[in-house]
């Protein structure tokens, strides 16, 4: 176990069960900082690739993306100050199933791992399961975007186990695509949903 991974999984599970949409930017920021801390623990001697990864995690995933999500939540709330919906519905049955699936993700991946990285893979699997649970139980576009961001952070955690990092141009291109995707998704999720067409006021004559 390591403290960065513990902090990361706490920042994933706690908002999923107890957080509202408006608090999601704070948890996304904590996830990014935990990922950056994890990179620093894996690379005591900072290389250019490790430095680029840390800067991307801190400034893009820890600052820019949470700001975009926060603006999306504020536009949805309007002047009412509504904290938004739960990421996972406050239902004991749903919570019980979710908890069992997260524990199973840890157990299955830990048992299948042949190297000493079982805890990292367990955290990644639990994050993927949590994101899929949000996607399957919440049909709000903004909440689903947050779940996709959780899933993307799980991918970053998996990439930290790769023996060779991405080349810097590829890393920069992936970061640009990630930011563009979040910006477009936040804009689409904050747009008002179209209202269904109203039924005709006058009854039609039956022939």
N, C-alpha and C. Protein backbone atom coordinates (compact mmCIF):
# COMPACT_ATOMS: atom_id res chain seq x y z
N UNK A 1 0.84 -1.19 0.00
CA UNK A 1 0.00 0.00 0.00
C UNK A 1 0.88 1.25 0.00
N UNK A 2 0.33 2.33 -0.51
CA UNK A 2 1.03 3.60 -0.50
C UNK A 2 0.03 4.70 -0.21
N UNK A 3 0.50 5.75 0.43
CA UNK A 3 -0.40 6.85 0.80
C UNK A 3 -1.03 7.54 -0.41
N UNK A 4 -0.29 7.77 -1.51
CA UNK A 4 -0.96 8.40 -2.67
C UNK A 4 -2.13 7.58 -3.20
N UNK A 5 -1.98 6.26 -3.26
CA UNK A 5 -3.06 5.42 -3.77
C UNK A 5 -4.24 5.38 -2.80
N UNK A 6 -3.94 5.40 -1.50
CA UNK A 6 -5.03 5.44 -0.51
C UNK A 6 -5.81 6.74 -0.65
N UNK A 7 -5.08 7.86 -0.79
CA UNK A 7 -5.75 9.14 -0.98
C UNK A 7 -6.57 9.14 -2.27
N UNK A 8 -6.04 8.52 -3.31
CA UNK A 8 -6.76 8.49 -4.58
C UNK A 8 -8.06 7.71 -4.47
N UNK A 9 -8.01 6.51 -3.88
CA UNK A 9 -9.23 5.70 -3.82
C UNK A 9 -10.26 6.33 -2.88
N UNK A 10 -9.80 7.04 -1.84
CA UNK A 10 -10.74 7.77 -0.98
C UNK A 10 -11.42 8.88 -1.78
N UNK A 11 -10.64 9.59 -2.63
CA UNK A 11 -11.21 10.66 -3.45
C UNK A 11 -12.11 10.13 -4.55
N UNK A 12 -12.10 8.83 -4.79
CA UNK A 12 -13.00 8.22 -5.77
C UNK A 12 -14.28 7.71 -5.10
N UNK A 13 -14.12 6.98 -4.00
CA UNK A 13 -15.26 6.30 -3.39
C UNK A 13 -16.15 7.26 -2.61
N UNK A 14 -15.55 8.17 -1.85
CA UNK A 14 -16.34 9.07 -1.00
C UNK A 14 -17.31 9.93 -1.82
N UNK A 15 -16.86 10.62 -2.88
CA UNK A 15 -17.85 11.42 -3.63
C UNK A 15 -18.88 10.57 -4.35
N UNK A 16 -18.50 9.35 -4.75
CA UNK A 16 -19.47 8.50 -5.44
C UNK A 16 -20.65 8.16 -4.55
N UNK A 17 -20.39 7.94 -3.26
CA UNK A 17 -21.46 7.53 -2.35
C UNK A 17 -22.08 8.71 -1.60
N UNK A 18 -21.28 9.71 -1.28
CA UNK A 18 -21.77 10.78 -0.40
C UNK A 18 -21.70 12.17 -1.03
N UNK A 19 -21.17 12.28 -2.25
CA UNK A 19 -20.94 13.59 -2.84
C UNK A 19 -22.06 14.02 -3.77
N UNK A 20 -22.15 15.32 -3.93
CA UNK A 20 -23.06 15.91 -4.90
C UNK A 20 -22.26 16.36 -6.12
N UNK A 21 -22.98 16.70 -7.17
CA UNK A 21 -22.32 17.13 -8.40
C UNK A 21 -21.46 18.38 -8.16
N UNK A 22 -21.95 19.28 -7.31
CA UNK A 22 -21.22 20.53 -7.11
C UNK A 22 -19.90 20.33 -6.38
N UNK A 23 -19.76 19.24 -5.62
CA UNK A 23 -18.50 18.98 -4.93
C UNK A 23 -17.53 18.16 -5.77
N UNK A 24 -17.93 17.73 -6.97
CA UNK A 24 -17.08 16.89 -7.81
C UNK A 24 -15.75 17.56 -8.17
N UNK A 25 -15.70 18.88 -8.46
CA UNK A 25 -14.40 19.48 -8.79
C UNK A 25 -13.35 19.32 -7.69
N UNK A 26 -13.77 19.40 -6.44
CA UNK A 26 -12.81 19.24 -5.34
C UNK A 26 -12.22 17.84 -5.33
N UNK A 27 -13.06 16.85 -5.55
CA UNK A 27 -12.58 15.46 -5.54
C UNK A 27 -11.74 15.16 -6.77
N UNK A 28 -12.08 15.75 -7.91
CA UNK A 28 -11.24 15.58 -9.09
C UNK A 28 -9.86 16.19 -8.88
N UNK A 29 -9.82 17.32 -8.20
CA UNK A 29 -8.54 17.94 -7.88
C UNK A 29 -7.72 17.06 -6.95
N UNK A 30 -8.36 16.48 -5.93
CA UNK A 30 -7.64 15.59 -5.02
C UNK A 30 -7.13 14.34 -5.75
N UNK A 31 -7.93 13.81 -6.67
CA UNK A 31 -7.48 12.66 -7.44
C UNK A 31 -6.23 13.00 -8.25
N UNK A 32 -6.24 14.17 -8.89
CA UNK A 32 -5.08 14.57 -9.69
C UNK A 32 -3.84 14.76 -8.82
N UNK A 33 -4.00 15.37 -7.67
CA UNK A 33 -2.85 15.56 -6.77
C UNK A 33 -2.32 14.22 -6.27
N UNK A 34 -3.23 13.28 -5.99
CA UNK A 34 -2.79 11.95 -5.56
C UNK A 34 -2.04 11.24 -6.67
N UNK A 35 -2.50 11.39 -7.91
CA UNK A 35 -1.79 10.79 -9.04
C UNK A 35 -0.42 11.41 -9.22
N UNK A 36 -0.33 12.73 -9.07
CA UNK A 36 0.98 13.39 -9.17
C UNK A 36 1.92 12.93 -8.06
N UNK A 37 1.39 12.80 -6.86
CA UNK A 37 2.18 12.29 -5.73
C UNK A 37 2.66 10.87 -6.01
N UNK A 38 1.80 10.07 -6.62
CA UNK A 38 2.18 8.70 -6.95
C UNK A 38 3.31 8.67 -7.97
N UNK A 39 3.29 9.57 -8.94
CA UNK A 39 4.37 9.64 -9.93
C UNK A 39 5.69 10.01 -9.24
N UNK A 40 5.63 10.95 -8.30
CA UNK A 40 6.84 11.35 -7.59
C UNK A 40 7.42 10.23 -6.75
N UNK A 41 6.56 9.41 -6.15
CA UNK A 41 7.06 8.28 -5.37
C UNK A 41 7.65 7.19 -6.26
N UNK A 42 7.15 7.06 -7.48
CA UNK A 42 7.69 6.07 -8.41
C UNK A 42 9.00 6.52 -9.05
N UNK A 43 9.21 7.83 -9.11
CA UNK A 43 10.41 8.38 -9.75
C UNK A 43 11.09 9.34 -8.78
N UNK A 44 11.86 8.82 -7.82
CA UNK A 44 12.56 9.73 -6.87
C UNK A 44 13.49 10.70 -7.57
N UNK A 45 14.14 10.24 -8.65
CA UNK A 45 14.97 11.12 -9.46
C UNK A 45 14.14 11.61 -10.64
N UNK A 46 13.79 12.89 -10.61
CA UNK A 46 12.86 13.45 -11.59
C UNK A 46 13.49 13.45 -12.98
N UNK A 47 12.81 12.78 -13.92
CA UNK A 47 13.20 12.83 -15.32
C UNK A 47 12.28 13.81 -16.05
N UNK A 48 12.59 14.05 -17.33
CA UNK A 48 11.74 14.99 -18.08
C UNK A 48 10.34 14.41 -18.29
N UNK A 49 10.24 13.09 -18.44
CA UNK A 49 8.92 12.49 -18.60
C UNK A 49 8.13 12.56 -17.29
N UNK A 50 8.78 12.29 -16.17
CA UNK A 50 8.09 12.38 -14.89
C UNK A 50 7.67 13.82 -14.59
N UNK A 51 8.53 14.77 -14.92
CA UNK A 51 8.19 16.18 -14.70
C UNK A 51 7.01 16.59 -15.57
N UNK A 52 7.00 16.15 -16.83
CA UNK A 52 5.87 16.47 -17.71
C UNK A 52 4.58 15.85 -17.19
N UNK A 53 4.66 14.62 -16.68
CA UNK A 53 3.47 13.97 -16.14
C UNK A 53 2.95 14.70 -14.92
N UNK A 54 3.85 15.11 -14.02
CA UNK A 54 3.43 15.82 -12.81
C UNK A 54 2.80 17.16 -13.17
N UNK A 55 3.41 17.90 -14.09
CA UNK A 55 2.87 19.21 -14.48
C UNK A 55 1.49 19.04 -15.13
N UNK A 56 1.35 18.02 -15.97
CA UNK A 56 0.05 17.79 -16.60
C UNK A 56 -1.01 17.42 -15.58
N UNK A 57 -0.65 16.59 -14.60
CA UNK A 57 -1.61 16.19 -13.58
C UNK A 57 -2.02 17.36 -12.70
N UNK A 58 -1.07 18.19 -12.33
CA UNK A 58 -1.37 19.28 -11.40
C UNK A 58 -2.14 20.40 -12.09
N UNK A 59 -1.66 20.85 -13.25
CA UNK A 59 -2.23 22.05 -13.86
C UNK A 59 -3.42 21.73 -14.77
N UNK A 60 -3.40 20.59 -15.45
CA UNK A 60 -4.51 20.26 -16.35
C UNK A 60 -5.62 19.54 -15.61
N UNK A 61 -5.28 18.39 -14.98
CA UNK A 61 -6.30 17.60 -14.30
C UNK A 61 -6.63 18.13 -12.91
N UNK A 62 -5.69 18.83 -12.27
CA UNK A 62 -5.94 19.33 -10.93
C UNK A 62 -6.46 20.74 -10.86
N UNK A 63 -6.27 21.53 -11.93
CA UNK A 63 -6.71 22.94 -11.90
C UNK A 63 -7.71 23.25 -13.03
N UNK A 64 -7.29 23.00 -14.28
CA UNK A 64 -8.12 23.42 -15.41
C UNK A 64 -9.42 22.63 -15.50
N UNK A 65 -9.32 21.32 -15.47
CA UNK A 65 -10.53 20.49 -15.60
C UNK A 65 -11.51 20.70 -14.45
N UNK A 66 -11.08 20.74 -13.18
CA UNK A 66 -12.05 21.05 -12.11
C UNK A 66 -12.73 22.41 -12.29
N UNK A 67 -12.02 23.39 -12.84
CA UNK A 67 -12.65 24.69 -13.10
C UNK A 67 -13.75 24.56 -14.14
N UNK A 68 -13.49 23.78 -15.19
CA UNK A 68 -14.53 23.57 -16.22
C UNK A 68 -15.74 22.84 -15.63
N UNK A 69 -15.49 21.84 -14.80
CA UNK A 69 -16.60 21.10 -14.19
C UNK A 69 -17.37 22.01 -13.21
N UNK A 70 -16.64 22.85 -12.49
CA UNK A 70 -17.30 23.77 -11.54
C UNK A 70 -18.20 24.76 -12.28
N UNK A 71 -17.73 25.29 -13.39
CA UNK A 71 -18.56 26.21 -14.16
C UNK A 71 -19.80 25.50 -14.71
N UNK A 72 -19.62 24.26 -15.13
CA UNK A 72 -20.76 23.49 -15.60
C UNK A 72 -21.79 23.31 -14.49
N UNK A 73 -21.34 22.96 -13.29
CA UNK A 73 -22.26 22.78 -12.17
C UNK A 73 -22.94 24.10 -11.80
N UNK A 74 -22.21 25.20 -11.86
CA UNK A 74 -22.80 26.50 -11.54
C UNK A 74 -23.84 26.91 -12.56
N UNK A 75 -23.59 26.63 -13.84
CA UNK A 75 -24.58 26.98 -14.86
C UNK A 75 -25.84 26.14 -14.69
N UNK A 76 -25.67 24.90 -14.29
CA UNK A 76 -26.84 24.06 -14.07
C UNK A 76 -27.63 24.52 -12.85
N UNK A 77 -26.91 24.92 -11.79
CA UNK A 77 -27.60 25.34 -10.56
C UNK A 77 -28.30 26.67 -10.74
N UNK A 78 -27.72 27.57 -11.55
CA UNK A 78 -28.30 28.90 -11.73
C UNK A 78 -28.24 29.71 -10.44
N UNK A 79 -29.29 30.45 -10.18
CA UNK A 79 -29.34 31.29 -8.99
C UNK A 79 -29.86 30.53 -7.77
N UNK A 80 -30.32 29.32 -7.95
CA UNK A 80 -30.89 28.58 -6.82
C UNK A 80 -29.83 28.03 -5.88
N UNK A 81 -28.59 27.87 -6.38
CA UNK A 81 -27.53 27.30 -5.53
C UNK A 81 -27.73 25.84 -5.23
N UNK A 82 -28.46 25.14 -6.09
CA UNK A 82 -28.71 23.71 -5.88
C UNK A 82 -27.40 22.93 -5.97
N UNK A 83 -27.05 22.10 -4.98
CA UNK A 83 -25.79 21.35 -5.05
C UNK A 83 -25.78 20.26 -6.11
N UNK A 84 -26.91 20.01 -6.73
CA UNK A 84 -26.96 19.02 -7.80
C UNK A 84 -27.31 17.64 -7.29
N UNK A 85 -27.46 16.69 -8.20
CA UNK A 85 -27.86 15.33 -7.81
C UNK A 85 -26.70 14.55 -7.20
N UNK A 86 -27.06 13.46 -6.52
CA UNK A 86 -26.04 12.52 -6.04
C UNK A 86 -25.41 11.82 -7.24
N UNK A 87 -24.13 11.47 -7.10
CA UNK A 87 -23.48 10.73 -8.17
C UNK A 87 -24.04 9.30 -8.23
N UNK A 88 -24.19 8.67 -7.06
CA UNK A 88 -24.91 7.40 -6.95
C UNK A 88 -26.09 7.62 -6.03
N UNK A 89 -27.26 7.18 -6.44
CA UNK A 89 -28.48 7.45 -5.68
C UNK A 89 -28.35 6.97 -4.24
N UNK A 90 -28.90 7.77 -3.32
CA UNK A 90 -28.84 7.44 -1.89
C UNK A 90 -29.84 6.34 -1.58
N UNK A 91 -29.44 5.14 -1.92
CA UNK A 91 -30.29 3.97 -1.74
C UNK A 91 -29.43 2.86 -1.15
N UNK A 92 -29.87 2.28 -0.03
CA UNK A 92 -29.06 1.27 0.65
C UNK A 92 -28.81 0.06 -0.23
N UNK A 93 -29.79 -0.32 -1.04
CA UNK A 93 -29.61 -1.47 -1.93
C UNK A 93 -28.52 -1.19 -2.96
N UNK A 94 -28.57 0.01 -3.58
CA UNK A 94 -27.55 0.38 -4.56
C UNK A 94 -26.18 0.50 -3.91
N UNK A 95 -26.14 1.07 -2.69
CA UNK A 95 -24.87 1.19 -1.98
C UNK A 95 -24.29 -0.18 -1.67
N UNK A 96 -25.15 -1.13 -1.24
CA UNK A 96 -24.66 -2.46 -0.92
C UNK A 96 -24.07 -3.17 -2.13
N UNK A 97 -24.78 -3.09 -3.26
CA UNK A 97 -24.27 -3.72 -4.48
C UNK A 97 -22.96 -3.05 -4.91
N UNK A 98 -22.91 -1.73 -4.82
CA UNK A 98 -21.69 -1.02 -5.22
C UNK A 98 -20.51 -1.40 -4.35
N UNK A 99 -20.73 -1.48 -3.04
CA UNK A 99 -19.64 -1.85 -2.14
C UNK A 99 -19.13 -3.25 -2.43
N UNK A 100 -20.04 -4.18 -2.68
CA UNK A 100 -19.63 -5.56 -2.99
C UNK A 100 -18.82 -5.60 -4.28
N UNK A 101 -19.25 -4.87 -5.30
CA UNK A 101 -18.53 -4.87 -6.57
C UNK A 101 -17.14 -4.26 -6.43
N UNK A 102 -17.01 -3.21 -5.63
CA UNK A 102 -15.69 -2.58 -5.43
C UNK A 102 -14.76 -3.54 -4.71
N UNK A 103 -15.25 -4.22 -3.68
CA UNK A 103 -14.42 -5.19 -2.96
C UNK A 103 -14.03 -6.34 -3.88
N UNK A 104 -14.96 -6.81 -4.69
CA UNK A 104 -14.65 -7.89 -5.63
C UNK A 104 -13.60 -7.45 -6.65
N UNK A 105 -13.66 -6.19 -7.07
CA UNK A 105 -12.65 -5.69 -8.01
C UNK A 105 -11.26 -5.78 -7.40
N UNK A 106 -11.13 -5.39 -6.13
CA UNK A 106 -9.84 -5.51 -5.44
C UNK A 106 -9.40 -6.97 -5.36
N UNK A 107 -10.31 -7.85 -4.98
CA UNK A 107 -9.95 -9.25 -4.76
C UNK A 107 -9.56 -9.95 -6.06
N UNK A 108 -10.37 -9.73 -7.11
CA UNK A 108 -10.10 -10.43 -8.37
C UNK A 108 -8.80 -9.96 -8.99
N UNK A 109 -8.60 -8.65 -9.04
CA UNK A 109 -7.38 -8.14 -9.65
C UNK A 109 -6.17 -8.50 -8.81
N UNK A 110 -6.29 -8.44 -7.48
CA UNK A 110 -5.17 -8.81 -6.62
C UNK A 110 -4.78 -10.27 -6.77
N UNK A 111 -5.78 -11.13 -6.94
CA UNK A 111 -5.48 -12.55 -7.11
C UNK A 111 -4.88 -12.84 -8.48
N UNK A 112 -5.26 -12.07 -9.50
CA UNK A 112 -4.77 -12.31 -10.85
C UNK A 112 -3.41 -11.68 -11.11
N UNK A 113 -2.99 -10.76 -10.27
CA UNK A 113 -1.73 -10.06 -10.49
C UNK A 113 -0.56 -10.97 -10.12
N UNK A 114 0.41 -11.02 -11.00
CA UNK A 114 1.59 -11.85 -10.77
C UNK A 114 2.77 -11.04 -10.26
N UNK A 115 2.67 -9.72 -10.27
CA UNK A 115 3.76 -8.87 -9.81
C UNK A 115 3.34 -8.17 -8.52
N UNK A 116 4.24 -7.34 -8.02
CA UNK A 116 3.98 -6.66 -6.76
C UNK A 116 3.19 -5.39 -6.91
N UNK A 117 2.34 -5.31 -7.92
CA UNK A 117 1.57 -4.10 -8.18
C UNK A 117 0.08 -4.36 -8.01
N UNK A 118 -0.25 -5.34 -7.17
CA UNK A 118 -1.65 -5.73 -7.03
C UNK A 118 -2.50 -4.61 -6.44
N UNK A 119 -1.92 -3.85 -5.49
CA UNK A 119 -2.72 -2.78 -4.89
C UNK A 119 -3.02 -1.68 -5.91
N UNK A 120 -2.04 -1.33 -6.74
CA UNK A 120 -2.27 -0.33 -7.77
C UNK A 120 -3.34 -0.80 -8.74
N UNK A 121 -3.25 -2.05 -9.17
CA UNK A 121 -4.27 -2.58 -10.08
C UNK A 121 -5.63 -2.70 -9.40
N UNK A 122 -5.64 -3.00 -8.10
CA UNK A 122 -6.89 -3.04 -7.38
C UNK A 122 -7.55 -1.68 -7.29
N UNK A 123 -6.76 -0.65 -7.03
CA UNK A 123 -7.29 0.72 -7.00
C UNK A 123 -7.83 1.11 -8.37
N UNK A 124 -7.09 0.76 -9.42
CA UNK A 124 -7.55 1.06 -10.77
C UNK A 124 -8.87 0.34 -11.06
N UNK A 125 -8.95 -0.94 -10.72
CA UNK A 125 -10.18 -1.70 -10.98
C UNK A 125 -11.35 -1.15 -10.18
N UNK A 126 -11.12 -0.78 -8.92
CA UNK A 126 -12.19 -0.21 -8.11
C UNK A 126 -12.67 1.13 -8.67
N UNK A 127 -11.74 1.91 -9.22
CA UNK A 127 -12.13 3.18 -9.83
C UNK A 127 -12.97 2.96 -11.08
N UNK A 128 -12.58 1.98 -11.89
CA UNK A 128 -13.35 1.66 -13.10
C UNK A 128 -14.75 1.20 -12.72
N UNK A 129 -14.85 0.33 -11.71
CA UNK A 129 -16.16 -0.15 -11.27
C UNK A 129 -17.01 1.01 -10.75
N UNK A 130 -16.41 1.90 -9.98
CA UNK A 130 -17.16 3.05 -9.45
C UNK A 130 -17.68 3.93 -10.58
N UNK A 131 -16.82 4.19 -11.57
CA UNK A 131 -17.25 5.02 -12.70
C UNK A 131 -18.38 4.35 -13.47
N UNK A 132 -18.29 3.05 -13.68
CA UNK A 132 -19.35 2.34 -14.39
C UNK A 132 -20.65 2.32 -13.59
N UNK A 133 -20.54 2.25 -12.27
CA UNK A 133 -21.75 2.30 -11.44
C UNK A 133 -22.44 3.66 -11.56
N UNK A 134 -21.65 4.74 -11.60
CA UNK A 134 -22.25 6.06 -11.77
C UNK A 134 -22.92 6.16 -13.13
N UNK A 135 -22.24 5.66 -14.16
CA UNK A 135 -22.81 5.72 -15.51
C UNK A 135 -24.10 4.91 -15.63
N UNK A 136 -24.18 3.80 -14.91
CA UNK A 136 -25.34 2.92 -15.04
C UNK A 136 -26.51 3.33 -14.14
N UNK A 137 -26.26 4.11 -13.11
CA UNK A 137 -27.33 4.47 -12.18
C UNK A 137 -27.75 5.93 -12.26
N UNK A 138 -27.03 6.75 -13.00
CA UNK A 138 -27.32 8.18 -13.06
C UNK A 138 -27.40 8.58 -14.53
N UNK A 139 -28.56 9.09 -14.94
CA UNK A 139 -28.73 9.48 -16.34
C UNK A 139 -28.54 10.97 -16.57
N UNK A 140 -28.09 11.72 -15.57
CA UNK A 140 -27.82 13.14 -15.75
C UNK A 140 -26.53 13.31 -16.54
N UNK A 141 -26.53 14.09 -17.62
CA UNK A 141 -25.32 14.24 -18.44
C UNK A 141 -24.12 14.75 -17.66
N UNK A 142 -24.33 15.69 -16.74
CA UNK A 142 -23.20 16.23 -15.97
C UNK A 142 -22.59 15.16 -15.07
N UNK A 143 -23.41 14.36 -14.42
CA UNK A 143 -22.89 13.29 -13.57
C UNK A 143 -22.16 12.23 -14.39
N UNK A 144 -22.67 11.95 -15.59
CA UNK A 144 -21.99 10.99 -16.44
C UNK A 144 -20.65 11.51 -16.92
N UNK A 145 -20.54 12.82 -17.14
CA UNK A 145 -19.24 13.40 -17.50
C UNK A 145 -18.25 13.24 -16.35
N UNK A 146 -18.70 13.45 -15.13
CA UNK A 146 -17.83 13.24 -13.97
C UNK A 146 -17.37 11.78 -13.90
N UNK A 147 -18.27 10.85 -14.18
CA UNK A 147 -17.90 9.43 -14.17
C UNK A 147 -16.85 9.13 -15.23
N UNK A 148 -16.97 9.76 -16.39
CA UNK A 148 -15.97 9.57 -17.45
C UNK A 148 -14.61 10.12 -17.00
N UNK A 149 -14.61 11.22 -16.27
CA UNK A 149 -13.35 11.77 -15.75
C UNK A 149 -12.73 10.85 -14.70
N UNK A 150 -13.56 10.22 -13.87
CA UNK A 150 -13.06 9.20 -12.95
C UNK A 150 -12.40 8.06 -13.74
N UNK A 151 -13.08 7.64 -14.79
CA UNK A 151 -12.56 6.54 -15.61
C UNK A 151 -11.24 6.93 -16.27
N UNK A 152 -11.14 8.16 -16.72
CA UNK A 152 -9.90 8.64 -17.34
C UNK A 152 -8.75 8.65 -16.34
N UNK A 153 -9.03 9.01 -15.09
CA UNK A 153 -7.98 8.99 -14.07
C UNK A 153 -7.53 7.55 -13.77
N UNK A 154 -8.46 6.60 -13.88
CA UNK A 154 -8.07 5.20 -13.74
C UNK A 154 -7.12 4.78 -14.86
N UNK A 155 -7.36 5.28 -16.06
CA UNK A 155 -6.46 4.99 -17.18
C UNK A 155 -5.08 5.56 -16.92
N UNK A 156 -5.02 6.78 -16.36
CA UNK A 156 -3.72 7.38 -16.01
C UNK A 156 -2.99 6.53 -14.98
N UNK A 157 -3.73 6.00 -14.03
CA UNK A 157 -3.10 5.14 -13.02
C UNK A 157 -2.55 3.88 -13.66
N UNK A 158 -3.27 3.33 -14.62
CA UNK A 158 -2.77 2.15 -15.32
C UNK A 158 -1.53 2.49 -16.14
N UNK A 159 -1.53 3.66 -16.78
CA UNK A 159 -0.38 4.07 -17.58
C UNK A 159 0.88 4.26 -16.73
N UNK A 160 0.70 4.54 -15.44
CA UNK A 160 1.87 4.70 -14.58
C UNK A 160 2.62 3.39 -14.38
N UNK A 161 1.99 2.27 -14.72
CA UNK A 161 2.64 0.96 -14.59
C UNK A 161 3.38 0.54 -15.86
N UNK A 162 3.24 1.32 -16.93
CA UNK A 162 3.90 0.96 -18.17
C UNK A 162 5.42 1.03 -18.01
N UNK A 163 6.16 0.11 -18.62
CA UNK A 163 7.62 0.14 -18.47
C UNK A 163 8.27 1.35 -19.13
N UNK A 164 7.64 1.86 -20.20
CA UNK A 164 8.19 3.01 -20.92
C UNK A 164 7.11 4.07 -21.05
N UNK A 165 7.39 5.31 -20.69
CA UNK A 165 6.36 6.36 -20.79
C UNK A 165 6.11 6.75 -22.23
N UNK A 166 4.98 7.44 -22.43
CA UNK A 166 4.68 7.95 -23.76
C UNK A 166 5.72 8.99 -24.16
N UNK A 167 6.05 9.09 -25.46
CA UNK A 167 6.88 10.22 -25.91
C UNK A 167 6.20 11.55 -25.62
N UNK A 168 7.01 12.57 -25.39
CA UNK A 168 6.45 13.86 -24.99
C UNK A 168 5.46 14.44 -26.01
N UNK A 169 5.71 14.38 -27.33
CA UNK A 169 4.68 14.88 -28.26
C UNK A 169 3.36 14.13 -28.16
N UNK A 170 3.44 12.81 -27.98
CA UNK A 170 2.21 12.02 -27.83
C UNK A 170 1.49 12.41 -26.54
N UNK A 171 2.26 12.60 -25.47
CA UNK A 171 1.67 13.00 -24.19
C UNK A 171 0.97 14.35 -24.32
N UNK A 172 1.61 15.30 -25.01
CA UNK A 172 1.00 16.62 -25.19
C UNK A 172 -0.26 16.53 -26.03
N UNK A 173 -0.24 15.70 -27.07
CA UNK A 173 -1.43 15.56 -27.92
C UNK A 173 -2.58 14.93 -27.15
N UNK A 174 -2.29 13.91 -26.33
CA UNK A 174 -3.34 13.28 -25.53
C UNK A 174 -3.92 14.27 -24.52
N UNK A 175 -3.09 15.10 -23.92
CA UNK A 175 -3.59 16.10 -22.97
C UNK A 175 -4.49 17.11 -23.66
N UNK A 176 -4.10 17.53 -24.89
CA UNK A 176 -4.93 18.49 -25.62
C UNK A 176 -6.28 17.88 -25.98
N UNK A 177 -6.28 16.63 -26.42
CA UNK A 177 -7.54 15.96 -26.73
C UNK A 177 -8.40 15.81 -25.48
N UNK A 178 -7.76 15.50 -24.35
CA UNK A 178 -8.48 15.34 -23.08
C UNK A 178 -9.16 16.65 -22.68
N UNK A 179 -8.41 17.77 -22.73
CA UNK A 179 -8.98 19.06 -22.35
C UNK A 179 -10.11 19.45 -23.30
N UNK A 180 -9.91 19.24 -24.60
CA UNK A 180 -10.96 19.55 -25.56
C UNK A 180 -12.22 18.73 -25.33
N UNK A 181 -12.05 17.46 -25.01
CA UNK A 181 -13.20 16.60 -24.75
C UNK A 181 -13.96 17.07 -23.51
N UNK A 182 -13.22 17.43 -22.45
CA UNK A 182 -13.87 17.90 -21.22
C UNK A 182 -14.60 19.22 -21.48
N UNK A 183 -13.97 20.13 -22.24
CA UNK A 183 -14.60 21.43 -22.51
C UNK A 183 -15.89 21.25 -23.29
N UNK A 184 -15.87 20.42 -24.34
CA UNK A 184 -17.07 20.20 -25.13
C UNK A 184 -18.13 19.46 -24.31
N UNK A 185 -17.70 18.46 -23.53
CA UNK A 185 -18.66 17.73 -22.70
C UNK A 185 -19.31 18.62 -21.65
N UNK A 186 -18.52 19.49 -21.02
CA UNK A 186 -19.09 20.40 -20.01
C UNK A 186 -20.06 21.38 -20.65
N UNK A 187 -19.74 21.84 -21.86
CA UNK A 187 -20.65 22.76 -22.54
C UNK A 187 -21.96 22.07 -22.91
N UNK A 188 -21.86 20.85 -23.41
CA UNK A 188 -23.08 20.12 -23.78
C UNK A 188 -23.90 19.75 -22.55
N UNK A 189 -23.23 19.34 -21.47
CA UNK A 189 -23.96 18.93 -20.27
C UNK A 189 -24.64 20.09 -19.58
N UNK A 190 -24.13 21.32 -19.77
CA UNK A 190 -24.73 22.48 -19.11
C UNK A 190 -25.87 23.08 -19.91
N UNK A 191 -26.08 22.61 -21.14
CA UNK A 191 -27.17 23.15 -21.94
C UNK A 191 -28.50 22.60 -21.43
N UNK A 192 -29.55 23.40 -21.46
CA UNK A 192 -30.87 22.89 -21.01
C UNK A 192 -31.37 21.82 -21.95
N UNK A 193 -32.00 20.82 -21.36
CA UNK A 193 -32.57 19.74 -22.15
C UNK A 193 -33.80 20.23 -22.91
N UNK A 194 -34.01 19.77 -24.13
CA UNK A 194 -35.20 20.19 -24.87
C UNK A 194 -36.47 19.68 -24.20
N UNK A 195 -37.46 20.55 -24.15
CA UNK A 195 -38.73 20.19 -23.55
C UNK A 195 -39.53 19.35 -24.53
N UNK A 196 -40.26 18.34 -24.02
CA UNK A 196 -41.10 17.53 -24.92
C UNK A 196 -42.23 18.36 -25.50
N UNK A 197 -42.62 18.02 -26.70
CA UNK A 197 -43.69 18.76 -27.37
C UNK A 197 -44.99 18.61 -26.59
N UNK A 198 -45.66 19.71 -26.41
CA UNK A 198 -46.92 19.69 -25.66
C UNK A 198 -48.02 19.02 -26.50
N UNK A 199 -48.87 18.33 -25.81
CA UNK A 199 -50.00 17.68 -26.49
C UNK A 199 -50.99 18.73 -26.97
N UNK A 200 -51.71 18.39 -28.01
CA UNK A 200 -52.70 19.33 -28.53
C UNK A 200 -53.74 19.66 -27.47
N UNK A 201 -54.04 20.94 -27.36
CA UNK A 201 -55.00 21.37 -26.33
C UNK A 201 -56.41 20.91 -26.66
N UNK A 202 -56.76 20.92 -27.94
CA UNK A 202 -58.12 20.58 -28.33
C UNK A 202 -58.16 19.09 -28.70
N UNK A 203 -59.14 18.37 -28.22
CA UNK A 203 -59.26 16.94 -28.58
C UNK A 203 -59.60 16.79 -30.05
N UNK A 204 -59.00 15.78 -30.65
CA UNK A 204 -59.26 15.54 -32.05
C UNK A 204 -60.60 14.78 -32.22
N UNK A 205 -61.24 15.05 -33.31
CA UNK A 205 -62.50 14.39 -33.59
C UNK A 205 -62.26 12.96 -34.05
N UNK A 206 -62.94 12.04 -33.44
CA UNK A 206 -62.79 10.64 -33.78
C UNK A 206 -63.71 10.31 -34.94
N UNK A 207 -63.17 9.81 -36.02
CA UNK A 207 -63.98 9.50 -37.20
C UNK A 207 -64.69 8.17 -37.02
